[in-house]
Amino acid sequence: MVAALAVALAAGCLGSADANVPASTPAAAPPPATDPNDPNALDRVLQDLQDKAAGLKSYQVNMDYVFKQPLLESQQRRTGVLYYAKLDGRSSLRIDFQTLQQDEEKPQTYRQQYLFDGVWLWEIDHQLKTATRRQLTEPNQPVDAFSLASKHVPVLGFSKVEDLRRQFEITLVPEPATAPTPRRHLHLKVKPDSAYQDDYVTIDVWIDSKIGLPVRVEAGTPEEDVYVIQLADPKVNTELEPKLFQVDLPRDFSVEVVPLQRKTTSATGA
């Protein structure tokens, strides 16, 4: 599920700091249309994402997440909500999956949660009544949720442009004139010596040009599996209650604690 969580974070992290300004503030003008034939167009799109990610303080978005395994003729679809906020000097994340659909069956209520406070990742399954509390870093070295995700998948806006270019061949794909809304389409192809070569082959991101937010992310793996995430109704830099990121487990849930795996060094001398 780490890859799934990472892709979900990658989808969510592209938010613009200007998407939900107060009603009294004039809305920013939409960015000019992007011409893929312009040699500087790609650089401007990547820099625009970098600039907007720097102002991200909170993010809430509805998520439709699909995991396809064509070789097994299998597909899983989950729907839920992603929440992110910077609180008290550290970031907090919550993903609430509410439904699960297997192949062509009817969607079922199936609640799964992921909460991350910069140090501990909680994975909670309400059907199985189980929870795993996994330590991902030292208590005095908390990490941002999106920075954590970048270890598993490139997080546009939070990954440096030069790092992205080192790992991927990046192109700006022309969108068809019949597209219902103006979008920017980025295609990332993994380079042979990329750190992501064992995890992904390609990653595609579609960004709504009017608000600067992602609406779709697709990632293909070497095993020909495909992740597809569609995002809707984003709320950016609005107030999120701190209690939203608190873990409140029923008493009959079992809890497994997985401590941080620290590197050990061999003793020398003797």
Protein backbone atom coordinates (compact mmCIF):
# COMPACT_ATOMS: atom_id res chain seq x y z
CA MET A 1 0.00 0.00 0.00
CA VAL A 2 3.04 2.29 0.25
CA ALA A 3 3.04 2.86 -3.50
CA ALA A 4 -0.68 3.59 -3.44
CA LEU A 5 -0.27 6.09 -0.63
CA ALA A 6 2.68 7.72 -2.37
CA VAL A 7 0.78 8.14 -5.62
CA ALA A 8 -2.17 9.57 -3.72
CA LEU A 9 0.14 12.09 -2.06
CA ALA A 10 1.73 12.94 -5.37
CA ALA A 11 -1.71 13.67 -6.75
CA GLY A 12 -2.70 15.77 -3.79
CA CYS A 13 0.45 17.78 -3.43
CA LEU A 14 0.16 19.86 -6.57
CA GLY A 15 -2.28 22.30 -5.04
CA SER A 16 -2.18 26.00 -5.70
CA ALA A 17 -2.06 28.45 -2.83
CA ASP A 18 -4.48 30.68 -4.73
CA ALA A 19 -7.34 28.26 -5.34
CA ASN A 20 -9.47 29.24 -2.36
CA VAL A 21 -8.87 32.89 -1.65
CA PRO A 22 -11.38 34.76 0.56
CA ALA A 23 -14.42 36.14 -1.22
CA SER A 24 -13.24 39.71 -0.63
CA THR A 25 -9.96 39.07 -2.49
CA PRO A 26 -10.05 39.39 -6.28
CA ALA A 27 -9.37 36.06 -7.95
CA ALA A 28 -6.04 35.73 -9.69
CA ALA A 29 -6.13 35.78 -13.46
CA PRO A 30 -5.85 32.32 -15.04
CA PRO A 31 -2.43 31.51 -16.47
CA PRO A 32 -1.97 32.13 -20.17
CA ALA A 33 -2.54 29.25 -22.56
CA THR A 34 0.51 27.01 -22.84
CA ASP A 35 2.03 26.38 -26.25
CA PRO A 36 3.87 23.04 -26.18
CA ASN A 37 5.99 24.28 -29.12
CA ASP A 38 7.38 27.07 -26.97
CA PRO A 39 10.84 25.84 -25.84
CA ASN A 40 10.36 27.52 -22.45
CA ALA A 41 6.78 26.33 -21.84
CA LEU A 42 7.74 23.22 -19.85
CA ASP A 43 10.12 25.15 -17.59
CA ARG A 44 7.38 27.69 -16.85
CA VAL A 45 4.86 24.98 -15.96
CA LEU A 46 7.31 23.23 -13.60
CA GLN A 47 8.36 26.49 -11.98
CA ASP A 48 4.72 27.52 -11.56
CA LEU A 49 4.05 24.29 -9.66
CA GLN A 50 7.13 24.87 -7.51
CA ASP A 51 6.03 28.40 -6.62
CA LYS A 52 2.48 27.38 -5.76
CA ALA A 53 3.52 24.38 -3.66
CA ALA A 54 5.68 26.69 -1.54
CA GLY A 55 2.54 28.47 -0.31
CA LEU A 56 0.56 25.33 0.52
CA LYS A 57 -0.67 25.40 4.14
CA SER A 58 -3.71 23.13 3.93
CA TYR A 59 -5.39 20.96 1.33
CA GLN A 60 -8.62 18.96 1.14
CA VAL A 61 -9.80 17.11 -1.96
CA ASN A 62 -12.15 14.29 -2.93
CA MET A 63 -10.28 11.35 -4.41
CA ASP A 64 -11.25 8.52 -6.77
CA TYR A 65 -8.41 6.00 -6.66
CA VAL A 66 -8.20 3.02 -9.05
CA PHE A 67 -5.58 0.26 -9.07
CA LYS A 68 -5.59 -1.83 -12.26
CA GLN A 69 -3.82 -5.13 -12.83
CA PRO A 70 -4.43 -5.91 -16.52
CA LEU A 71 -2.43 -9.14 -16.49
CA LEU A 72 -4.75 -10.49 -13.78
CA GLU A 73 -7.81 -8.80 -15.30
CA SER A 74 -8.41 -7.21 -11.90
CA GLN A 75 -9.34 -3.72 -10.75
CA GLN A 76 -9.97 -2.07 -7.38
CA ARG A 77 -11.60 1.33 -6.95
CA ARG A 78 -11.63 3.29 -3.71
CA THR A 79 -13.20 6.67 -3.02
CA GLY A 80 -12.43 9.02 -0.18
CA VAL A 81 -11.00 12.33 0.95
CA LEU A 82 -7.43 13.53 1.42
CA TYR A 83 -6.59 16.16 4.07
CA TYR A 84 -3.25 17.88 4.62
CA ALA A 85 -2.24 20.72 6.92
CA LYS A 86 0.81 22.34 8.44
CA LEU A 87 0.13 22.61 12.17
CA ASP A 88 2.48 23.76 14.94
CA GLY A 89 5.54 23.67 12.72
CA ARG A 90 4.96 20.18 11.28
CA SER A 91 2.71 18.65 8.66
CA SER A 92 -0.22 16.32 9.23
CA LEU A 93 -1.95 14.07 6.73
CA ARG A 94 -5.19 12.12 6.72
CA ILE A 95 -6.66 9.95 3.97
CA ASP A 96 -10.15 8.55 4.52
CA PHE A 97 -11.22 5.83 2.10
CA GLN A 98 -14.95 5.19 2.45
CA THR A 99 -15.85 2.74 -0.34
CA LEU A 100 -14.32 -0.23 -2.14
CA GLN A 101 -15.34 -1.69 -5.49
CA GLN A 102 -13.80 -4.90 -6.83
CA ASP A 103 -13.97 -5.29 -10.61
CA GLU A 104 -17.59 -4.93 -11.77
CA GLU A 105 -19.17 -5.61 -8.38
CA LYS A 106 -21.28 -2.96 -6.67
CA PRO A 107 -19.33 -0.53 -4.47
CA GLN A 108 -19.32 -1.51 -0.81
CA THR A 109 -18.80 0.56 2.31
CA TYR A 110 -15.23 -0.17 3.40
CA ARG A 111 -13.51 2.33 5.63
CA GLN A 112 -9.72 2.57 5.73
CA GLN A 113 -7.71 5.45 7.13
CA TYR A 114 -4.13 6.65 6.91
CA LEU A 115 -2.88 9.35 9.29
CA PHE A 116 0.64 10.76 9.43
CA ASP A 117 1.98 13.31 11.92
CA GLY A 118 5.52 13.67 10.62
CA VAL A 119 6.84 10.71 12.64
CA TRP A 120 4.15 8.02 12.96
CA LEU A 121 1.98 6.58 10.19
CA TRP A 122 -1.31 5.01 11.28
CA GLU A 123 -3.01 2.46 9.00
CA ILE A 124 -6.53 1.70 10.26
CA ASP A 125 -8.94 -0.89 8.85
CA HIS A 126 -12.41 -0.44 10.34
CA GLN A 127 -13.76 -3.68 8.86
CA LEU A 128 -11.00 -5.86 10.30
CA LYS A 129 -10.82 -3.70 13.47
CA THR A 130 -7.05 -3.50 13.19
CA ALA A 131 -4.55 -0.66 13.32
CA THR A 132 -0.83 -0.46 12.60
CA ARG A 133 1.24 2.36 14.08
CA ARG A 134 4.44 2.58 12.07
CA GLN A 135 7.37 4.85 13.01
CA LEU A 136 8.97 6.35 9.90
CA THR A 137 11.54 8.74 11.35
CA GLU A 138 13.15 9.91 14.58
CA PRO A 139 10.86 11.91 16.92
CA ASN A 140 13.15 14.94 16.72
CA GLN A 141 13.36 14.75 12.91
CA PRO A 142 9.75 14.97 11.66
CA VAL A 143 9.29 15.01 7.89
CA ASP A 144 6.66 16.59 5.68
CA ALA A 145 4.13 14.11 4.32
CA PHE A 146 4.85 15.08 0.73
CA SER A 147 8.61 14.95 1.29
CA LEU A 148 8.09 11.40 2.56
CA ALA A 149 6.12 10.52 -0.56
CA SER A 150 8.91 11.80 -2.81
CA LYS A 151 11.02 8.83 -1.69
CA HIS A 152 8.58 6.55 -3.49
CA VAL A 153 7.21 8.71 -6.30
CA PRO A 154 8.22 12.10 -7.76
CA VAL A 155 6.18 14.82 -6.08
CA LEU A 156 5.84 17.66 -8.55
CA GLY A 157 6.14 20.99 -6.84
CA PHE A 158 8.02 19.46 -3.89
CA SER A 159 10.74 17.80 -5.96
CA LYS A 160 13.43 20.09 -7.37
CA VAL A 161 13.12 20.61 -11.12
CA GLU A 162 16.74 19.60 -11.71
CA ASP A 163 16.13 16.37 -9.75
CA LEU A 164 13.07 15.59 -11.87
CA ARG A 165 15.01 16.14 -15.08
CA ARG A 166 17.77 13.83 -13.81
CA GLN A 167 15.27 11.01 -13.20
CA PHE A 168 12.80 11.53 -16.06
CA GLU A 169 12.33 12.60 -19.63
CA ILE A 170 9.62 15.25 -19.20
CA THR A 171 7.38 16.50 -21.98
CA LEU A 172 4.43 18.87 -22.19
CA VAL A 173 1.73 17.03 -24.14
CA PRO A 174 -0.71 19.04 -26.29
CA GLU A 175 -4.29 18.63 -25.11
CA PRO A 176 -7.00 18.04 -27.74
CA ALA A 177 -9.00 21.08 -28.76
CA THR A 178 -12.16 19.22 -27.75
CA ALA A 179 -11.08 18.93 -24.09
CA PRO A 180 -13.98 20.13 -21.85
CA THR A 181 -11.68 22.32 -19.73
CA PRO A 182 -8.22 23.75 -20.48
CA ARG A 183 -5.59 21.49 -18.94
CA ARG A 184 -1.81 21.09 -18.88
CA HIS A 185 -0.60 17.54 -19.42
CA LEU A 186 2.84 16.53 -18.16
CA HIS A 187 4.30 13.17 -19.24
CA LEU A 188 7.21 11.75 -17.25
CA LYS A 189 9.13 8.80 -18.68
CA VAL A 190 11.53 7.05 -16.32
CA LYS A 191 15.16 7.12 -17.45
CA PRO A 192 17.12 3.80 -17.50
CA ASP A 193 19.33 4.86 -14.56
CA SER A 194 16.53 6.53 -12.58
CA ALA A 195 16.01 5.83 -8.89
CA TYR A 196 12.38 5.06 -9.82
CA GLN A 197 13.15 2.50 -12.56
CA ASP A 198 11.97 -0.46 -10.45
CA ASP A 199 8.72 1.26 -9.46
CA TYR A 200 7.38 3.14 -12.48
CA VAL A 201 7.64 3.33 -16.25
CA THR A 202 5.63 6.48 -16.87
CA ILE A 203 3.69 9.04 -14.84
CA ASP A 204 1.15 11.43 -16.36
CA VAL A 205 -0.31 14.46 -14.60
CA TRP A 206 -3.18 16.61 -15.86
CA ILE A 207 -3.48 20.07 -14.29
CA ASP A 208 -6.49 22.36 -14.56
CA SER A 209 -5.08 25.49 -16.19
CA LYS A 210 -7.66 27.78 -14.62
CA ILE A 211 -6.90 26.99 -10.98
CA GLY A 212 -3.47 25.36 -11.19
CA LEU A 213 -4.62 22.13 -9.50
CA PRO A 214 -4.29 18.51 -10.63
CA VAL A 215 -7.41 16.73 -11.80
CA ARG A 216 -5.89 13.40 -12.80
CA VAL A 217 -2.73 11.35 -12.22
CA GLU A 218 -1.81 8.07 -13.93
CA ALA A 219 1.23 5.94 -13.09
CA GLY A 220 2.32 2.75 -14.87
CA THR A 221 4.65 0.16 -13.31
CA PRO A 222 7.13 -2.34 -14.85
CA GLU A 223 4.63 -5.08 -13.95
CA GLU A 224 2.06 -3.27 -16.18
CA ASP A 225 -0.05 -2.31 -13.17
CA VAL A 226 -1.68 1.11 -13.39
CA TYR A 227 -2.67 3.66 -10.73
CA VAL A 228 -5.31 6.21 -11.73
CA ILE A 229 -6.34 9.01 -9.38
CA GLN A 230 -8.95 11.63 -10.14
CA LEU A 231 -9.41 14.65 -7.87
CA ALA A 232 -12.42 16.89 -7.41
CA ASP A 233 -13.72 19.77 -5.27
CA PRO A 234 -10.34 20.96 -3.93
CA LYS A 235 -10.18 23.30 -0.93
CA VAL A 236 -6.82 24.96 -0.45
CA ASN A 237 -5.53 26.98 2.50
CA THR A 238 -8.83 26.83 4.36
CA GLU A 239 -8.89 26.16 8.10
CA LEU A 240 -8.83 22.49 9.10
CA GLU A 241 -9.50 21.53 12.72
CA PRO A 242 -6.45 19.95 14.45
CA LYS A 243 -8.68 17.19 15.86
CA LEU A 244 -9.20 16.01 12.28
CA PHE A 245 -5.67 14.57 12.44
CA GLN A 246 -6.03 12.91 15.84
CA VAL A 247 -6.35 9.13 16.11
CA ASP A 248 -9.42 7.94 18.00
CA LEU A 249 -9.66 4.16 17.98
CA PRO A 250 -12.55 2.09 19.36
CA ARG A 251 -11.52 -0.07 22.31
CA ASP A 252 -12.04 -3.36 20.49
CA PHE A 253 -9.44 -2.57 17.80
CA SER A 254 -6.13 -4.44 17.92
CA VAL A 255 -3.01 -2.32 17.53
CA GLU A 256 0.39 -3.36 16.17
CA VAL A 257 3.33 -1.01 16.76
CA VAL A 258 6.21 -1.14 14.29
CA PRO A 259 9.25 0.81 15.58
CA LEU A 260 11.70 2.62 13.32
CA GLN A 261 14.18 0.33 11.59
CA ARG A 262 17.50 1.91 12.48
CA LYS A 263 20.70 1.17 10.65
CA THR A 264 23.21 -0.70 12.78
CA THR A 265 26.95 -0.36 12.48
CA SER A 266 29.34 -3.25 12.99
CA ALA A 267 31.62 -3.05 16.02
CA THR A 268 35.26 -2.43 15.17
CA GLY A 269 38.44 -3.17 17.00
CA ALA A 270 39.14 -6.16 19.30
